[in-house]
PDB file of N, CA and C in Angstrom:
ATOM      1  N   LEU A   1      30.387  59.395  60.771  1.00  0.00           N
ATOM      2  CA  LEU A   1      30.650  58.606  59.592  1.00  0.00           C
ATOM      3  C   LEU A   1      29.547  57.573  59.451  1.00  0.00           C
ATOM      4  N   SER A   2      28.823  57.620  58.369  1.00  0.00           N
ATOM      5  CA  SER A   2      27.751  56.640  58.174  1.00  0.00           C
ATOM      6  C   SER A   2      28.339  55.352  57.621  1.00  0.00           C
ATOM      7  N   MET A   3      27.661  54.243  57.915  1.00  0.00           N
ATOM      8  CA  MET A   3      28.146  52.945  57.455  1.00  0.00           C
ATOM      9  C   MET A   3      28.108  52.836  55.930  1.00  0.00           C
ATOM     10  N   ALA A   4      27.232  53.612  55.300  1.00  0.00           N
ATOM     11  CA  ALA A   4      27.130  53.561  53.843  1.00  0.00           C
ATOM     12  C   ALA A   4      28.429  54.032  53.194  1.00  0.00           C
ATOM     13  N   SER A   5      29.139  54.925  53.868  1.00  0.00           N
ATOM     14  CA  SER A   5      30.378  55.463  53.281  1.00  0.00           C
ATOM     15  C   SER A   5      31.609  54.671  53.701  1.00  0.00           C
ATOM     16  N   VAL A   6      31.425  53.707  54.570  1.00  0.00           N
ATOM     17  CA  VAL A   6      32.544  52.890  55.032  1.00  0.00           C
ATOM     18  C   VAL A   6      32.690  51.656  54.127  1.00  0.00           C
ATOM     19  N   SER A   7      33.910  51.366  53.772  1.00  0.00           N
ATOM     20  CA  SER A   7      34.161  50.199  52.930  1.00  0.00           C
ATOM     21  C   SER A   7      34.636  49.050  53.795  1.00  0.00           C
ATOM     22  N   PHE A   8      33.934  47.952  53.715  1.00  0.00           N
ATOM     23  CA  PHE A   8      34.330  46.749  54.452  1.00  0.00           C
ATOM     24  C   PHE A   8      34.962  45.773  53.477  1.00  0.00           C
ATOM     25  N   ARG A   9      35.901  45.010  53.975  1.00  0.00           N
ATOM     26  CA  ARG A   9      36.606  44.070  53.111  1.00  0.00           C
ATOM     27  C   ARG A   9      35.927  42.703  53.026  1.00  0.00           C
ATOM     28  N   PHE A  10      35.093  42.348  54.017  1.00  0.00           N
ATOM     29  CA  PHE A  10      34.538  40.991  54.064  1.00  0.00           C
ATOM     30  C   PHE A  10      33.442  40.764  53.030  1.00  0.00           C
ATOM     31  N   GLN A  11      32.866  41.850  52.484  1.00  0.00           N
ATOM     32  CA  GLN A  11      31.872  41.696  51.410  1.00  0.00           C
ATOM     33  C   GLN A  11      31.900  42.914  50.517  1.00  0.00           C
ATOM     34  N   ASP A  12      31.489  42.706  49.273  1.00  0.00           N
ATOM     35  CA  ASP A  12      31.533  43.786  48.287  1.00  0.00           C
ATOM     36  C   ASP A  12      30.311  44.689  48.342  1.00  0.00           C
ATOM     37  N   SER A  13      29.186  44.143  48.723  1.00  0.00           N
ATOM     38  CA  SER A  13      27.947  44.914  48.719  1.00  0.00           C
ATOM     39  C   SER A  13      27.799  45.748  50.008  1.00  0.00           C
ATOM     40  N   ALA A  14      26.810  46.609  50.019  1.00  0.00           N
ATOM     41  CA  ALA A  14      26.546  47.441  51.183  1.00  0.00           C
ATOM     42  C   ALA A  14      26.191  46.578  52.392  1.00  0.00           C
ATOM     43  N   VAL A  15      26.512  47.077  53.565  1.00  0.00           N
ATOM     44  CA  VAL A  15      26.264  46.353  54.812  1.00  0.00           C
ATOM     45  C   VAL A  15      24.997  46.917  55.436  1.00  0.00           C
ATOM     46  N   GLU A  16      24.047  46.044  55.752  1.00  0.00           N
ATOM     47  CA  GLU A  16      22.776  46.461  56.342  1.00  0.00           C
ATOM     48  C   GLU A  16      22.988  47.047  57.743  1.00  0.00           C
ATOM     49  N   SER A  17      22.189  48.043  58.100  1.00  0.00           N
ATOM     50  CA  SER A  17      22.344  48.680  59.410  1.00  0.00           C
ATOM     51  C   SER A  17      22.059  47.694  60.571  1.00  0.00           C
ATOM     52  N   ASP A  18      21.143  46.753  60.383  1.00  0.00           N
ATOM     53  CA  ASP A  18      20.882  45.747  61.427  1.00  0.00           C
ATOM     54  C   ASP A  18      22.131  44.905  61.662  1.00  0.00           C
ATOM     55  N   PHE A  19      22.807  44.580  60.600  1.00  0.00           N
ATOM     56  CA  PHE A  19      24.039  43.789  60.695  1.00  0.00           C
ATOM     57  C   PHE A  19      25.093  44.561  61.479  1.00  0.00           C
ATOM     58  N   VAL A  20      25.213  45.853  61.190  1.00  0.00           N
ATOM     59  CA  VAL A  20      26.177  46.705  61.897  1.00  0.00           C
ATOM     60  C   VAL A  20      25.845  46.725  63.393  1.00  0.00           C
ATOM     61  N   GLN A  21      24.575  46.861  63.719  1.00  0.00           N
ATOM     62  CA  GLN A  21      24.163  46.875  65.132  1.00  0.00           C
ATOM     63  C   GLN A  21      24.471  45.548  65.815  1.00  0.00           C
ATOM     64  N   ASP A  22      24.245  44.439  65.119  1.00  0.00           N
ATOM     65  CA  ASP A  22      24.550  43.127  65.671  1.00  0.00           C
ATOM     66  C   ASP A  22      26.044  42.979  65.942  1.00  0.00           C
ATOM     67  N   MET A  23      26.869  43.514  65.056  1.00  0.00           N
ATOM     68  CA  MET A  23      28.307  43.448  65.257  1.00  0.00           C
ATOM     69  C   MET A  23      28.750  44.365  66.403  1.00  0.00           C
ATOM     70  N   LYS A  24      28.144  45.540  66.500  1.00  0.00           N
ATOM     71  CA  LYS A  24      28.475  46.462  67.589  1.00  0.00           C
ATOM     72  C   LYS A  24      28.104  45.860  68.956  1.00  0.00           C
ATOM     73  N   ALA A  25      27.083  45.018  68.953  1.00  0.00           N
ATOM     74  CA  ALA A  25      26.643  44.379  70.208  1.00  0.00           C
ATOM     75  C   ALA A  25      27.735  43.503  70.807  1.00  0.00           C
ATOM     76  N   LEU A  26      28.729  43.131  70.032  1.00  0.00           N
ATOM     77  CA  LEU A  26      29.849  42.346  70.543  1.00  0.00           C
ATOM     78  C   LEU A  26      30.605  43.093  71.635  1.00  0.00           C
ATOM     79  N   ASN A  27      30.523  44.426  71.620  1.00  0.00           N
ATOM     80  CA  ASN A  27      31.177  45.225  72.655  1.00  0.00           C
ATOM     81  C   ASN A  27      30.629  44.922  74.048  1.00  0.00           C
ATOM     82  N   ALA A  28      29.380  44.456  74.118  1.00  0.00           N
ATOM     83  CA  ALA A  28      28.745  44.176  75.405  1.00  0.00           C
ATOM     84  C   ALA A  28      29.302  42.902  76.043  1.00  0.00           C
ATOM     85  N   LEU A  29      29.965  42.078  75.246  1.00  0.00           N
ATOM     86  CA  LEU A  29      30.519  40.832  75.752  1.00  0.00           C
ATOM     87  C   LEU A  29      31.871  41.069  76.428  1.00  0.00           C
ATOM     88  N   SER A  30      32.171  40.276  77.423  1.00  0.00           N
ATOM     89  CA  SER A  30      33.492  40.322  78.037  1.00  0.00           C
ATOM     90  C   SER A  30      34.499  39.702  77.056  1.00  0.00           C
ATOM     91  N   HIS A  31      35.790  39.912  77.330  1.00  0.00           N
ATOM     92  CA  HIS A  31      36.819  39.296  76.486  1.00  0.00           C
ATOM     93  C   HIS A  31      36.637  37.774  76.449  1.00  0.00           C
ATOM     94  N   GLU A  32      36.389  37.179  77.603  1.00  0.00           N
ATOM     95  CA  GLU A  32      36.209  35.726  77.692  1.00  0.00           C
ATOM     96  C   GLU A  32      35.018  35.274  76.849  1.00  0.00           C
ATOM     97  N   GLN A  33      33.896  35.983  76.986  1.00  0.00           N
ATOM     98  CA  GLN A  33      32.693  35.628  76.224  1.00  0.00           C
ATOM     99  C   GLN A  33      32.951  35.763  74.727  1.00  0.00           C
ATOM    100  N   LEU A  34      33.630  36.831  74.347  1.00  0.00           N
ATOM    101  CA  LEU A  34      33.903  37.062  72.940  1.00  0.00           C
ATOM    102  C   LEU A  34      34.817  35.968  72.371  1.00  0.00           C
ATOM    103  N   GLU A  35      35.817  35.573  73.138  1.00  0.00           N
ATOM    104  CA  GLU A  35      36.698  34.483  72.709  1.00  0.00           C
ATOM    105  C   GLU A  35      35.902  33.193  72.509  1.00  0.00           C
ATOM    106  N   LYS A  36      35.006  32.895  73.462  1.00  0.00           N
ATOM    107  CA  LYS A  36      34.250  31.641  73.393  1.00  0.00           C
ATOM    108  C   LYS A  36      33.265  31.640  72.236  1.00  0.00           C
ATOM    109  N   ILE A  37      32.542  32.738  72.052  1.00  0.00           N
ATOM    110  CA  ILE A  37      31.537  32.764  70.997  1.00  0.00           C
ATOM    111  C   ILE A  37      32.232  32.740  69.624  1.00  0.00           C
ATOM    112  N   THR A  38      33.366  33.399  69.517  1.00  0.00           N
ATOM    113  CA  THR A  38      34.137  33.366  68.258  1.00  0.00           C
ATOM    114  C   THR A  38      34.638  31.941  67.976  1.00  0.00           C
ATOM    115  N   ALA A  39      35.111  31.271  69.017  1.00  0.00           N
ATOM    116  CA  ALA A  39      35.581  29.890  68.865  1.00  0.00           C
ATOM    117  C   ALA A  39      34.443  28.962  68.413  1.00  0.00           C
ATOM    118  N   ILE A  40      33.240  29.182  68.957  1.00  0.00           N
ATOM    119  CA  ILE A  40      32.078  28.382  68.559  1.00  0.00           C
ATOM    120  C   ILE A  40      31.788  28.585  67.064  1.00  0.00           C
ATOM    121  N   VAL A  41      31.751  29.834  66.644  1.00  0.00           N
ATOM    122  CA  VAL A  41      31.446  30.152  65.243  1.00  0.00           C
ATOM    123  C   VAL A  41      32.532  29.611  64.300  1.00  0.00           C
ATOM    124  N   LEU A  42      33.790  29.849  64.634  1.00  0.00           N
ATOM    125  CA  LEU A  42      34.881  29.370  63.768  1.00  0.00           C
ATOM    126  C   LEU A  42      34.956  27.846  63.759  1.00  0.00           C
ATOM    127  N   GLY A  43      34.663  27.213  64.896  1.00  0.00           N
ATOM    128  CA  GLY A  43      34.607  25.754  64.948  1.00  0.00           C
ATOM    129  C   GLY A  43      33.545  25.200  64.038  1.00  0.00           C
ATOM    130  N   PHE A  44      32.402  25.836  64.036  1.00  0.00           N
ATOM    131  CA  PHE A  44      31.305  25.399  63.159  1.00  0.00           C
ATOM    132  C   PHE A  44      31.682  25.610  61.691  1.00  0.00           C
ATOM    133  N   LEU A  45      32.232  26.773  61.369  1.00  0.00           N
ATOM    134  CA  LEU A  45      32.573  27.066  59.979  1.00  0.00           C
ATOM    135  C   LEU A  45      33.656  26.125  59.450  1.00  0.00           C
ATOM    136  N   SER A  46      34.559  25.688  60.313  1.00  0.00           N
ATOM    137  CA  SER A  46      35.611  24.788  59.847  1.00  0.00           C
ATOM    138  C   SER A  46      35.156  23.339  59.766  1.00  0.00           C
ATOM    139  N   SER A  47      34.100  22.986  60.514  1.00  0.00           N
ATOM    140  CA  SER A  47      33.656  21.588  60.495  1.00  0.00           C
ATOM    141  C   SER A  47      32.334  21.393  59.755  1.00  0.00           C
ATOM    142  N   ALA A  48      31.538  22.454  59.658  1.00  0.00           N
ATOM    143  CA  ALA A  48      30.201  22.408  59.063  1.00  0.00           C
ATOM    144  C   ALA A  48      29.307  21.403  59.802  1.00  0.00           C
ATOM    145  N   ASP A  49      29.602  21.134  61.056  1.00  0.00           N
ATOM    146  CA  ASP A  49      28.811  20.225  61.893  1.00  0.00           C
ATOM    147  C   ASP A  49      27.844  21.069  62.709  1.00  0.00           C
ATOM    148  N   SER A  50      26.567  21.046  62.317  1.00  0.00           N
ATOM    149  CA  SER A  50      25.587  21.901  62.985  1.00  0.00           C
ATOM    150  C   SER A  50      25.440  21.587  64.470  1.00  0.00           C
ATOM    151  N   SER A  51      25.715  20.329  64.859  1.00  0.00           N
ATOM    152  CA  SER A  51      25.594  19.989  66.271  1.00  0.00           C
ATOM    153  C   SER A  51      26.654  20.728  67.092  1.00  0.00           C
ATOM    154  N   GLU A  52      27.804  20.984  66.489  1.00  0.00           N
ATOM    155  CA  GLU A  52      28.843  21.732  67.184  1.00  0.00           C
ATOM    156  C   GLU A  52      28.357  23.165  67.492  1.00  0.00           C
ATOM    157  N   LEU A  53      27.686  23.761  66.522  1.00  0.00           N
ATOM    158  CA  LEU A  53      27.159  25.113  66.724  1.00  0.00           C
ATOM    159  C   LEU A  53      26.039  25.108  67.769  1.00  0.00           C
ATOM    160  N   ILE A  54      25.133  24.163  67.665  1.00  0.00           N
ATOM    161  CA  ILE A  54      23.998  24.084  68.588  1.00  0.00           C
ATOM    162  C   ILE A  54      24.463  23.785  70.011  1.00  0.00           C
ATOM    163  N   ASP A  55      25.308  22.768  70.158  1.00  0.00           N
ATOM    164  CA  ASP A  55      25.814  22.394  71.482  1.00  0.00           C
ATOM    165  C   ASP A  55      26.661  23.514  72.096  1.00  0.00           C
ATOM    166  N   GLY A  56      27.539  24.087  71.297  1.00  0.00           N
ATOM    167  CA  GLY A  56      28.387  25.174  71.794  1.00  0.00           C
ATOM    168  C   GLY A  56      27.592  26.381  72.224  1.00  0.00           C
ATOM    169  N   THR A  57      26.563  26.700  71.447  1.00  0.00           N
ATOM    170  CA  THR A  57      25.712  27.832  71.776  1.00  0.00           C
ATOM    171  C   THR A  57      24.927  27.562  73.063  1.00  0.00           C
ATOM    172  N   GLN A  58      24.405  26.368  73.189  1.00  0.00           N
ATOM    173  CA  GLN A  58      23.647  26.001  74.383  1.00  0.00           C
ATOM    174  C   GLN A  58      24.517  26.102  75.633  1.00  0.00           C
ATOM    175  N   ARG A  59      25.748  25.582  75.540  1.00  0.00           N
ATOM    176  CA  ARG A  59      26.688  25.661  76.668  1.00  0.00           C
ATOM    177  C   ARG A  59      27.010  27.127  76.986  1.00  0.00           C
ATOM    178  N   PHE A  60      27.194  27.921  75.965  1.00  0.00           N
ATOM    179  CA  PHE A  60      27.498  29.345  76.161  1.00  0.00           C
ATOM    180  C   PHE A  60      26.364  30.047  76.884  1.00  0.00           C
ATOM    181  N   ILE A  61      25.125  29.781  76.473  1.00  0.00           N
ATOM    182  CA  ILE A  61      23.954  30.388  77.119  1.00  0.00           C
ATOM    183  C   ILE A  61      23.886  29.975  78.588  1.00  0.00           C
ATOM    184  N   GLU A  62      24.092  28.690  78.838  1.00  0.00           N
ATOM    185  CA  GLU A  62      24.055  28.186  80.225  1.00  0.00           C
ATOM    186  C   GLU A  62      25.195  28.753  81.069  1.00  0.00           C
ATOM    187  N   ASP A  63      26.394  28.790  80.515  1.00  0.00           N
ATOM    188  CA  ASP A  63      27.569  29.254  81.270  1.00  0.00           C
ATOM    189  C   ASP A  63      27.534  30.739  81.568  1.00  0.00           C
ATOM    190  N   HIS A  64      26.961  31.526  80.651  1.00  0.00           N
ATOM    191  CA  HIS A  64      27.061  32.973  80.766  1.00  0.00           C
ATOM    192  C   HIS A  64      25.716  33.674  81.028  1.00  0.00           C
ATOM    193  N   GLY A  65      24.627  32.910  81.080  1.00  0.00           N
ATOM    194  CA  GLY A  65      23.325  33.509  81.346  1.00  0.00           C
ATOM    195  C   GLY A  65      22.913  34.545  80.309  1.00  0.00           C
ATOM    196  N   VAL A  66      23.240  34.285  79.071  1.00  0.00           N
ATOM    197  CA  VAL A  66      22.947  35.201  77.975  1.00  0.00           C
ATOM    198  C   VAL A  66      21.552  34.935  77.434  1.00  0.00           C
ATOM    199  N   ASN A  67      20.868  35.990  77.024  1.00  0.00           N
ATOM    200  CA  ASN A  67      19.544  35.886  76.401  1.00  0.00           C
ATOM    201  C   ASN A  67      19.680  35.190  75.046  1.00  0.00           C
ATOM    202  N   PRO A  68      19.021  34.029  74.872  1.00  0.00           N
ATOM    203  CA  PRO A  68      19.161  33.269  73.625  1.00  0.00           C
ATOM    204  C   PRO A  68      18.751  34.060  72.375  1.00  0.00           C
ATOM    205  N   SER A  69      17.691  34.847  72.469  1.00  0.00           N
ATOM    206  CA  SER A  69      17.247  35.594  71.269  1.00  0.00           C
ATOM    207  C   SER A  69      18.240  36.684  70.901  1.00  0.00           C
ATOM    208  N   ALA A  70      18.852  37.314  71.896  1.00  0.00           N
ATOM    209  CA  ALA A  70      19.865  38.338  71.610  1.00  0.00           C
ATOM    210  C   ALA A  70      21.111  37.693  71.006  1.00  0.00           C
ATOM    211  N   LEU A  71      21.449  36.518  71.500  1.00  0.00           N
ATOM    212  CA  LEU A  71      22.625  35.808  71.015  1.00  0.00           C
ATOM    213  C   LEU A  71      22.422  35.337  69.567  1.00  0.00           C
ATOM    214  N   LYS A  72      21.203  35.012  69.212  1.00  0.00           N
ATOM    215  CA  LYS A  72      20.911  34.510  67.861  1.00  0.00           C
ATOM    216  C   LYS A  72      21.342  35.499  66.781  1.00  0.00           C
ATOM    217  N   SER A  73      20.988  36.775  66.954  1.00  0.00           N
ATOM    218  CA  SER A  73      21.357  37.758  65.935  1.00  0.00           C
ATOM    219  C   SER A  73      22.862  38.004  65.915  1.00  0.00           C
ATOM    220  N   THR A  74      23.489  37.950  67.085  1.00  0.00           N
ATOM    221  CA  THR A  74      24.948  38.111  67.165  1.00  0.00           C
ATOM    222  C   THR A  74      25.653  36.941  66.477  1.00  0.00           C
ATOM    223  N   LEU A  75      25.161  35.722  66.727  1.00  0.00           N
ATOM    224  CA  LEU A  75      25.730  34.533  66.069  1.00  0.00           C
ATOM    225  C   LEU A  75      25.579  34.635  64.554  1.00  0.00           C
ATOM    226  N   ARG A  76      24.396  35.042  64.112  1.00  0.00           N
ATOM    227  CA  ARG A  76      24.133  35.171  62.673  1.00  0.00           C
ATOM    228  C   ARG A  76      25.127  36.157  62.047  1.00  0.00           C
ATOM    229  N   ALA A  77      25.320  37.285  62.718  1.00  0.00           N
ATOM    230  CA  ALA A  77      26.233  38.309  62.207  1.00  0.00           C
ATOM    231  C   ALA A  77      27.669  37.776  62.149  1.00  0.00           C
ATOM    232  N   LEU A  78      28.092  37.116  63.209  1.00  0.00           N
ATOM    233  CA  LEU A  78      29.458  36.558  63.226  1.00  0.00           C
ATOM    234  C   LEU A  78      29.647  35.497  62.139  1.00  0.00           C
ATOM    235  N   LEU A  79      28.646  34.653  61.961  1.00  0.00           N
ATOM    236  CA  LEU A  79      28.718  33.626  60.915  1.00  0.00           C
ATOM    237  C   LEU A  79      28.882  34.267  59.536  1.00  0.00           C
ATOM    238  N   LEU A  80      28.032  35.252  59.243  1.00  0.00           N
ATOM    239  CA  LEU A  80      28.118  35.923  57.942  1.00  0.00           C
ATOM    240  C   LEU A  80      29.447  36.648  57.773  1.00  0.00           C
ATOM    241  N   PHE A  81      29.896  37.299  58.845  1.00  0.00           N
ATOM    242  CA  PHE A  81      31.152  38.037  58.789  1.00  0.00           C
ATOM    243  C   PHE A  81      32.329  37.114  58.519  1.00  0.00           C
ATOM    244  N   PHE A  82      32.465  36.062  59.322  1.00  0.00           N
ATOM    245  CA  PHE A  82      33.615  35.170  59.157  1.00  0.00           C
ATOM    246  C   PHE A  82      33.532  34.348  57.862  1.00  0.00           C
ATOM    247  N   LYS A  83      32.320  34.047  57.391  1.00  0.00           N
ATOM    248  CA  LYS A  83      32.169  33.381  56.091  1.00  0.00           C
ATOM    249  C   LYS A  83      32.726  34.281  54.978  1.00  0.00           C
ATOM    250  N   GLY A  84      32.343  35.562  55.060  1.00  0.00           N
ATOM    251  CA  GLY A  84      32.819  36.530  54.064  1.00  0.00           C
ATOM    252  C   GLY A  84      34.327  36.700  54.133  1.00  0.00           C
ATOM    253  N   CYS A  85      34.868  36.725  55.341  1.00  0.00           N
ATOM    254  CA  CYS A  85      36.322  36.832  55.519  1.00  0.00           C
ATOM    255  C   CYS A  85      37.035  35.651  54.910  1.00  0.00           C
ATOM    256  N   ALA A  86      36.526  34.464  55.145  1.00  0.00           N
ATOM    257  CA  ALA A  86      37.128  33.244  54.612  1.00  0.00           C
ATOM    258  C   ALA A  86      37.019  33.207  53.078  1.00  0.00           C
ATOM    259  N   ARG A  87      35.846  33.591  52.571  1.00  0.00           N
ATOM    260  CA  ARG A  87      35.632  33.574  51.119  1.00  0.00           C
ATOM    261  C   ARG A  87      36.614  34.502  50.416  1.00  0.00           C
ATOM    262  N   LYS A  88      36.913  35.638  51.057  1.00  0.00           N
ATOM    263  CA  LYS A  88      37.841  36.606  50.457  1.00  0.00           C
ATOM    264  C   LYS A  88      39.292  36.379  50.910  1.00  0.00           C
ATOM    265  N   GLN A  89      39.496  35.362  51.750  1.00  0.00           N
ATOM    266  CA  GLN A  89      40.836  35.032  52.236  1.00  0.00           C
ATOM    267  C   GLN A  89      41.532  36.236  52.857  1.00  0.00           C
ATOM    268  N   LEU A  90      40.802  36.915  53.746  1.00  0.00           N
ATOM    269  CA  LEU A  90      41.359  38.114  54.382  1.00  0.00           C
ATOM    270  C   LEU A  90      42.436  37.765  55.380  1.00  0.00           C
ATOM    271  N   THR A  91      43.395  38.645  55.497  1.00  0.00           N
ATOM    272  CA  THR A  91      44.453  38.501  56.500  1.00  0.00           C
ATOM    273  C   THR A  91      43.885  38.878  57.867  1.00  0.00           C
ATOM    274  N   PHE A  92      44.621  38.515  58.919  1.00  0.00           N
ATOM    275  CA  PHE A  92      44.211  38.891  60.279  1.00  0.00           C
ATOM    276  C   PHE A  92      44.046  40.402  60.379  1.00  0.00           C
ATOM    277  N   ALA A  93      44.972  41.146  59.792  1.00  0.00           N
ATOM    278  CA  ALA A  93      44.914  42.625  59.866  1.00  0.00           C
ATOM    279  C   ALA A  93      43.659  43.152  59.183  1.00  0.00           C
ATOM    280  N   ALA A  94      43.281  42.590  58.046  1.00  0.00           N
ATOM    281  CA  ALA A  94      42.082  43.034  57.319  1.00  0.00           C
ATOM    282  C   ALA A  94      40.822  42.703  58.119  1.00  0.00           C
ATOM    283  N   VAL A  95      40.779  41.519  58.742  1.00  0.00           N
ATOM    284  CA  VAL A  95      39.636  41.144  59.582  1.00  0.00           C
ATOM    285  C   VAL A  95      39.547  42.114  60.750  1.00  0.00           C
ATOM    286  N   ASN A  96      40.662  42.397  61.372  1.00  0.00           N
ATOM    287  CA  ASN A  96      40.717  43.319  62.505  1.00  0.00           C
ATOM    288  C   ASN A  96      40.223  44.715  62.083  1.00  0.00           C
ATOM    289  N   ASP A  97      40.656  45.179  60.914  1.00  0.00           N
ATOM    290  CA  ASP A  97      40.231  46.499  60.411  1.00  0.00           C
ATOM    291  C   ASP A  97      38.714  46.550  60.257  1.00  0.00           C
ATOM    292  N   ASP A  98      38.132  45.499  59.686  1.00  0.00           N
ATOM    293  CA  ASP A  98      36.677  45.459  59.518  1.00  0.00           C
ATOM    294  C   ASP A  98      35.975  45.488  60.869  1.00  0.00           C
ATOM    295  N   LEU A  99      36.477  44.734  61.832  1.00  0.00           N
ATOM    296  CA  LEU A  99      35.843  44.696  63.157  1.00  0.00           C
ATOM    297  C   LEU A  99      35.888  46.083  63.805  1.00  0.00           C
ATOM    298  N   VAL A 100      37.007  46.780  63.677  1.00  0.00           N
ATOM    299  CA  VAL A 100      37.123  48.130  64.244  1.00  0.00           C
ATOM    300  C   VAL A 100      36.168  49.078  63.520  1.00  0.00           C
ATOM    301  N   GLN A 101      36.017  48.929  62.208  1.00  0.00           N
ATOM    302  CA  GLN A 101      35.094  49.785  61.454  1.00  0.00           C
ATOM    303  C   GLN A 101      33.644  49.546  61.872  1.00  0.00           C
ATOM    304  N   PHE A 102      33.342  48.344  62.331  1.00  0.00           N
ATOM    305  CA  PHE A 102      32.003  48.061  62.839  1.00  0.00           C
ATOM    306  C   PHE A 102      31.754  48.747  64.176  1.00  0.00           C
ATOM    307  N   GLY A 103      32.807  49.241  64.797  1.00  0.00           N
ATOM    308  CA  GLY A 103      32.661  49.899  66.087  1.00  0.00           C
ATOM    309  C   GLY A 103      33.103  49.042  67.253  1.00  0.00           C
ATOM    310  N   LEU A 104      33.694  47.897  66.950  1.00  0.00           N
ATOM    311  CA  LEU A 104      34.193  47.046  68.030  1.00  0.00           C
ATOM    312  C   LEU A 104      35.439  47.702  68.605  1.00  0.00           C
ATOM    313  N   ALA A 105      35.521  47.747  69.913  1.00  0.00           N
ATOM    314  CA  ALA A 105      36.679  48.333  70.580  1.00  0.00           C
ATOM    315  C   ALA A 105      37.947  47.640  70.090  1.00  0.00           C
ATOM    316  N   ALA A 106      39.014  48.393  69.908  1.00  0.00           N
ATOM    317  CA  ALA A 106      40.262  47.828  69.360  1.00  0.00           C
ATOM    318  C   ALA A 106      40.779  46.643  70.176  1.00  0.00           C
ATOM    319  N   ASP A 107      40.663  46.720  71.513  1.00  0.00           N
ATOM    320  CA  ASP A 107      41.151  45.606  72.327  1.00  0.00           C
ATOM    321  C   ASP A 107      40.286  44.356  72.137  1.00  0.00           C
ATOM    322  N   LYS A 108      39.007  44.547  71.821  1.00  0.00           N
ATOM    323  CA  LYS A 108      38.132  43.400  71.582  1.00  0.00           C
ATOM    324  C   LYS A 108      38.267  42.853  70.174  1.00  0.00           C
ATOM    325  N   SER A 109      38.580  43.698  69.214  1.00  0.00           N
ATOM    326  CA  SER A 109      38.729  43.208  67.838  1.00  0.00           C
ATOM    327  C   SER A 109      39.904  42.251  67.754  1.00  0.00           C
ATOM    328  N   ALA A 110      40.916  42.462  68.563  1.00  0.00           N
ATOM    329  CA  ALA A 110      42.074  41.554  68.580  1.00  0.00           C
ATOM    330  C   ALA A 110      41.702  40.203  69.175  1.00  0.00           C
ATOM    331  N   VAL A 111      40.730  40.197  70.087  1.00  0.00           N
ATOM    332  CA  VAL A 111      40.277  38.949  70.728  1.00  0.00           C
ATOM    333  C   VAL A 111      39.505  38.119  69.718  1.00  0.00           C
ATOM    334  N   ALA A 112      38.622  38.763  68.970  1.00  0.00           N
ATOM    335  CA  ALA A 112      37.787  38.059  67.987  1.00  0.00           C
ATOM    336  C   ALA A 112      38.667  37.556  66.875  1.00  0.00           C
TER     337      ALA A 112
END
């Protein structure tokens, strides 16, 4: 199934293949890492305080030994995804469906 034929709820337009790859990369994170990175992104989106995003990301890199450049594209993808979800006021189930369509394992989509 190609991503072009998949319909996502978080945005109306087509989803870029790089974006899909960045979202699939979430599978490489442990449940704990995924919970923390999601909390950082959602905390930033709810406060719009850039220092929260920067500080949280720096702590995450230090705590988990993650490559900063790899994390940057994942953060960007999560920010765009959750912004789109909020803009469309998606339910938890709809957000979960989109995450699974991106290829995120079902057990991890529930964590995010």
